[in-house]
Amino acid sequence: MQPSATTLKPEGTTRWQKARRWAGKLFGTIVVLAMLAAGWEFHQFSEDPEHYLVNRYGTGLGKVTSVEVLSLGPEASTELAARFPGLPTYRRRLWSENKYLVYRRADVEGAAAQRLADLWRRQDYITSEQAGCHEPGYAIRFYFGPWRRLEVTLCWQCDNIAFPLLGTEVWNTFDAHGTNGLALLSSLKAIAPTFDYTNAVVSTAELNGRVEAVLQGREAVWKFVEWVEHSPQRQEFLAEIGRRLPNLSTNETKVAVGLVRDFKLTN
């Protein structure tokens, strides 16, 4: 009986199989470590949901070497956004449906980045209040070298900040119109000016016409609110509504009061 021949595998094939096994083990280890880290973060957050993110990313933000600032416009799906087809868009989270126009983008480094980071750490948070919505005017990305430490969006209309948590976000109310909040807004405006689309594309005639249309019920309130929501000139809308108020009917007055509330124009 002839002995059976042994089939030898090419040396390159054996090395490739070993490399695949090691890569699989490494990937599995990374997944397990990521799950453990996520579980630990969720545990810490659940222990103190009102303060954990603020203590870690707000007042407790670590060393920063550079900052990226994005001045945001209205949601890309809104009527006014359609008038600016050339602007890039920003999505708060990878799976978020909300995309916003990016009006300006700026990189800040060195001493200027340190000043902005220090101002960020000095923000005052209001744990007793709850955020009702989030219409961000700015996105800020803090970096330490090539690594991104933190990415947040801020809303001075709704007085809140969206902090990241396990791939999603949690809103924290801050004193947006206090000394530190206004100082931060002023600094951001100097770095990346706000999206002032009202003066650029909305004429006085259009403003007056749409106010009249919504008060008389010829335009849906929700559509009008969406149209105005990001406007830095909301006071112009308030002034026009106030000018018409003495001559409004009972129903029109009710609509006007609702608009003032929806726009937060009384603040």
Protein backbone atom coordinates (compact mmCIF):
# COMPACT_ATOMS: atom_id res chain seq x y z
CA MET A 1 0.00 0.00 0.00
CA GLN A 2 1.35 3.33 -1.05
CA PRO A 3 1.50 6.01 1.72
CA SER A 4 -0.87 8.91 1.15
CA ALA A 5 0.73 12.14 0.04
CA THR A 6 0.56 15.09 2.43
CA THR A 7 -0.84 18.25 0.91
CA LEU A 8 1.27 21.23 1.90
CA LYS A 9 -0.39 24.63 2.18
CA PRO A 10 1.45 27.59 0.74
CA GLU A 11 3.25 29.57 3.42
CA GLY A 12 1.46 32.80 2.40
CA THR A 13 -1.95 31.18 2.93
CA THR A 14 -1.03 30.08 6.47
CA ARG A 15 0.18 33.58 7.39
CA TRP A 16 -3.01 35.11 6.00
CA GLN A 17 -5.18 32.78 8.09
CA LYS A 18 -3.21 33.65 11.22
CA ALA A 19 -3.54 37.33 10.48
CA ARG A 20 -7.30 36.95 10.05
CA ARG A 21 -7.59 35.11 13.37
CA TRP A 22 -5.61 37.80 15.18
CA ALA A 23 -7.63 40.54 13.50
CA GLY A 24 -10.84 38.82 14.59
CA LYS A 25 -9.62 38.54 18.17
CA LEU A 26 -8.54 42.18 18.18
CA PHE A 27 -11.88 43.33 16.79
CA GLY A 28 -13.75 41.25 19.36
CA THR A 29 -11.64 42.73 22.17
CA ILE A 30 -12.34 46.27 20.93
CA VAL A 31 -16.08 45.58 20.77
CA VAL A 32 -16.10 44.18 24.31
CA LEU A 33 -14.11 47.15 25.67
CA ALA A 34 -16.42 49.60 23.88
CA MET A 35 -19.48 47.88 25.35
CA LEU A 36 -17.96 47.99 28.83
CA ALA A 37 -17.11 51.70 28.44
CA ALA A 38 -20.63 52.46 27.17
CA GLY A 39 -22.15 50.52 30.05
CA TRP A 40 -20.00 52.40 32.58
CA GLU A 41 -20.92 55.77 31.06
CA PHE A 42 -24.62 54.91 31.09
CA HIS A 43 -24.31 53.82 34.73
CA GLN A 44 -22.66 57.12 35.67
CA PHE A 45 -25.29 59.10 33.77
CA SER A 46 -28.18 57.21 35.36
CA GLU A 47 -26.72 57.90 38.80
CA ASP A 48 -26.81 61.67 38.26
CA PRO A 49 -28.55 62.59 34.98
CA GLU A 50 -28.79 66.31 35.81
CA HIS A 51 -25.09 66.86 36.43
CA TYR A 52 -23.05 64.07 34.82
CA LEU A 53 -22.73 65.50 31.30
CA VAL A 54 -22.23 69.06 32.58
CA ASN A 55 -19.52 67.94 35.00
CA ARG A 56 -17.77 65.88 32.33
CA TYR A 57 -18.12 68.02 29.21
CA GLY A 58 -19.18 71.45 30.47
CA THR A 59 -17.31 72.72 33.51
CA GLY A 60 -15.11 69.62 33.39
CA LEU A 61 -13.97 69.87 29.77
CA GLY A 62 -10.34 68.78 29.57
CA LYS A 63 -7.42 70.37 27.77
CA VAL A 64 -8.23 71.84 24.36
CA THR A 65 -5.78 72.72 21.58
CA SER A 66 -8.20 73.81 18.83
CA VAL A 67 -11.89 74.55 18.29
CA GLU A 68 -14.11 74.34 15.22
CA VAL A 69 -17.14 76.66 15.13
CA LEU A 70 -20.12 76.24 12.80
CA SER A 71 -22.71 79.01 12.44
CA LEU A 72 -25.96 77.24 11.57
CA GLY A 73 -28.94 78.42 9.57
CA PRO A 74 -32.44 76.96 9.30
CA GLU A 75 -33.19 73.29 8.76
CA ALA A 76 -32.33 72.23 5.23
CA SER A 77 -35.90 71.02 4.69
CA THR A 78 -37.56 74.40 5.38
CA GLU A 79 -38.89 76.91 2.88
CA LEU A 80 -36.27 79.56 3.60
CA ALA A 81 -33.41 77.07 3.33
CA ALA A 82 -34.42 76.40 -0.27
CA ARG A 83 -33.29 79.94 -1.11
CA PHE A 84 -29.67 79.01 -0.32
CA PRO A 85 -28.97 75.88 -2.40
CA GLY A 86 -25.21 76.39 -2.39
CA LEU A 87 -24.62 76.11 1.36
CA PRO A 88 -23.34 72.87 2.96
CA THR A 89 -25.40 71.12 5.63
CA TYR A 90 -24.74 69.85 9.15
CA ARG A 91 -26.36 66.85 10.85
CA ARG A 92 -26.31 66.78 14.65
CA ARG A 93 -26.04 62.99 14.77
CA LEU A 94 -25.32 60.48 11.99
CA TRP A 95 -28.88 59.11 12.02
CA SER A 96 -30.63 62.38 12.82
CA GLU A 97 -33.30 63.52 10.36
CA ASN A 98 -32.54 67.19 11.06
CA LYS A 99 -29.96 68.83 8.82
CA TYR A 100 -29.08 72.52 9.10
CA LEU A 101 -27.46 74.91 6.67
CA VAL A 102 -23.91 75.89 7.57
CA TYR A 103 -23.56 79.62 7.05
CA ARG A 104 -19.99 80.00 8.31
CA ARG A 105 -17.24 77.64 9.50
CA ALA A 106 -14.11 78.73 11.37
CA ASP A 107 -11.11 77.04 13.01
CA VAL A 108 -9.69 78.53 16.19
CA GLU A 109 -6.26 77.62 17.56
CA GLY A 110 -3.73 78.69 20.14
CA ALA A 111 -4.60 81.32 22.74
CA ALA A 112 -7.94 82.09 21.03
CA ALA A 113 -8.99 78.45 21.39
CA GLN A 114 -8.03 78.50 25.07
CA ARG A 115 -10.11 81.62 25.68
CA LEU A 116 -13.13 80.07 23.97
CA ALA A 117 -12.72 76.83 25.94
CA ASP A 118 -12.44 78.77 29.22
CA LEU A 119 -15.59 80.71 28.39
CA TRP A 120 -17.35 77.43 27.60
CA ARG A 121 -16.38 76.02 31.02
CA ARG A 122 -17.85 79.08 32.77
CA GLN A 123 -21.39 78.55 31.49
CA ASP A 124 -24.14 78.42 34.13
CA TYR A 125 -26.64 75.54 34.02
CA ILE A 126 -30.20 75.58 35.30
CA THR A 127 -31.14 72.12 36.55
CA SER A 128 -34.68 73.08 37.61
CA GLU A 129 -35.80 73.96 34.07
CA GLN A 130 -36.55 71.59 31.22
CA ALA A 131 -35.76 72.22 27.57
CA GLY A 132 -38.82 72.27 25.33
CA CYS A 133 -37.11 72.16 21.94
CA HIS A 134 -33.71 72.61 20.34
CA GLU A 135 -33.12 74.88 17.33
CA PRO A 136 -29.33 75.28 17.34
CA GLY A 137 -27.62 78.44 16.18
CA TYR A 138 -24.08 77.09 16.64
CA ALA A 139 -22.19 73.82 16.70
CA ILE A 140 -18.83 73.66 18.51
CA ARG A 141 -16.20 70.95 18.21
CA PHE A 142 -13.41 70.92 20.80
CA TYR A 143 -10.17 69.10 19.90
CA PHE A 144 -7.11 67.91 21.78
CA GLY A 145 -4.55 67.41 19.03
CA PRO A 146 -6.20 65.29 16.31
CA TRP A 147 -8.79 63.84 18.70
CA ARG A 148 -12.22 65.35 19.10
CA ARG A 149 -13.03 65.78 22.77
CA LEU A 150 -16.55 67.09 22.41
CA GLU A 151 -19.13 68.15 19.84
CA VAL A 152 -22.19 70.11 21.00
CA THR A 153 -24.92 72.29 19.55
CA LEU A 154 -26.22 75.38 21.34
CA CYS A 155 -29.58 77.11 21.10
CA TRP A 156 -30.04 80.65 22.43
CA GLN A 157 -33.68 80.57 21.35
CA CYS A 158 -34.45 77.58 23.58
CA ASP A 159 -31.68 78.18 26.16
CA ASN A 160 -30.20 74.71 25.92
CA ILE A 161 -27.16 72.68 24.88
CA ALA A 162 -27.24 69.22 23.29
CA PHE A 163 -24.55 67.02 24.87
CA PRO A 164 -23.56 63.65 23.32
CA LEU A 165 -24.40 60.46 25.17
CA LEU A 166 -23.86 56.95 23.75
CA GLY A 167 -24.43 58.02 20.18
CA THR A 168 -27.50 60.08 21.02
CA GLU A 169 -27.88 63.41 22.82
CA VAL A 170 -29.23 64.88 26.05
CA TRP A 171 -30.30 68.52 26.39
CA ASN A 172 -29.24 70.65 29.35
CA THR A 173 -30.72 74.07 30.04
CA PHE A 174 -28.18 76.85 30.51
CA ASP A 175 -28.41 80.55 31.32
CA ALA A 176 -28.15 81.62 27.68
CA HIS A 177 -29.02 85.25 28.40
CA GLY A 178 -26.90 85.62 31.50
CA THR A 179 -23.45 87.25 31.57
CA ASN A 180 -21.52 84.13 30.56
CA GLY A 181 -24.11 82.97 28.04
CA LEU A 182 -24.14 86.29 26.19
CA ALA A 183 -20.34 86.50 26.34
CA LEU A 184 -20.09 83.10 24.67
CA LEU A 185 -22.58 84.13 21.99
CA SER A 186 -20.65 87.34 21.35
CA SER A 187 -17.40 85.39 20.96
CA LEU A 188 -18.99 82.90 18.57
CA LYS A 189 -20.48 85.71 16.47
CA ALA A 190 -17.04 87.31 16.19
CA ILE A 191 -15.57 84.00 15.02
CA ALA A 192 -18.41 82.89 12.70
CA PRO A 193 -21.22 85.44 12.06
CA THR A 194 -24.81 84.31 12.48
CA PHE A 195 -27.10 83.41 9.61
CA ASP A 196 -28.82 86.74 8.98
CA TYR A 197 -31.10 85.59 6.18
CA THR A 198 -34.03 87.90 7.01
CA ASN A 199 -32.25 91.08 5.97
CA ALA A 200 -30.81 89.32 2.94
CA VAL A 201 -33.87 87.72 1.35
CA VAL A 202 -37.06 88.63 3.25
CA SER A 203 -38.40 92.01 2.22
CA THR A 204 -40.62 94.19 4.39
CA ALA A 205 -43.51 93.58 2.00
CA GLU A 206 -43.11 89.80 2.31
CA LEU A 207 -42.89 90.03 6.09
CA ASN A 208 -46.05 92.15 6.34
CA GLY A 209 -47.93 90.00 3.85
CA ARG A 210 -47.23 86.78 5.65
CA VAL A 211 -48.10 88.24 9.05
CA GLU A 212 -51.46 89.30 7.61
CA ALA A 213 -51.99 85.90 5.98
CA VAL A 214 -51.40 83.92 9.16
CA LEU A 215 -53.53 86.25 11.32
CA GLN A 216 -56.41 85.93 8.89
CA GLY A 217 -56.09 82.16 8.67
CA ARG A 218 -54.94 82.08 5.05
CA GLU A 219 -51.66 80.45 6.08
CA ALA A 220 -51.16 77.67 8.60
CA VAL A 221 -49.66 78.82 11.91
CA TRP A 222 -47.17 75.93 11.97
CA LYS A 223 -45.88 76.84 8.53
CA PHE A 224 -45.43 80.48 9.53
CA VAL A 225 -43.65 79.53 12.76
CA GLU A 226 -41.29 77.28 10.78
CA TRP A 227 -40.62 80.17 8.41
CA VAL A 228 -39.67 82.58 11.22
CA GLU A 229 -38.12 80.17 13.69
CA HIS A 230 -34.43 80.78 12.98
CA SER A 231 -34.73 84.47 12.18
CA PRO A 232 -32.37 86.72 14.13
CA GLN A 233 -34.88 89.49 13.35
CA ARG A 234 -37.80 87.99 15.29
CA GLN A 235 -38.37 91.38 16.93
CA GLU A 236 -39.43 92.73 13.53
CA PHE A 237 -42.22 90.16 13.44
CA LEU A 238 -43.22 91.06 16.99
CA ALA A 239 -43.30 94.75 16.10
CA GLU A 240 -45.53 94.10 13.10
CA ILE A 241 -47.91 91.94 15.13
CA GLY A 242 -47.97 94.59 17.88
CA ARG A 243 -48.72 97.32 15.36
CA ARG A 244 -51.75 95.39 14.12
CA LEU A 245 -52.97 94.28 17.57
CA PRO A 246 -55.41 97.17 18.34
CA ASN A 247 -57.33 96.51 15.10
CA LEU A 248 -57.45 92.72 15.23
CA SER A 249 -60.60 90.69 15.64
CA THR A 250 -61.04 88.34 18.61
CA ASN A 251 -59.86 85.35 16.61
CA GLU A 252 -56.93 87.24 15.10
CA THR A 253 -55.89 88.40 18.57
CA LYS A 254 -55.91 84.79 19.76
CA VAL A 255 -53.66 83.80 16.86
CA ALA A 256 -51.34 86.75 17.55
CA VAL A 257 -50.97 85.82 21.22
CA GLY A 258 -50.17 82.24 20.21
CA LEU A 259 -47.52 83.46 17.78
CA VAL A 260 -45.86 85.58 20.44
CA ARG A 261 -45.75 82.54 22.71
CA ASP A 262 -44.44 80.22 19.98
CA PHE A 263 -41.66 82.59 18.96
CA LYS A 264 -40.69 83.21 22.60
CA LEU A 265 -40.77 86.90 21.73
CA THR A 266 -41.83 87.90 25.24
CA ASN A 267 -38.39 86.91 26.63
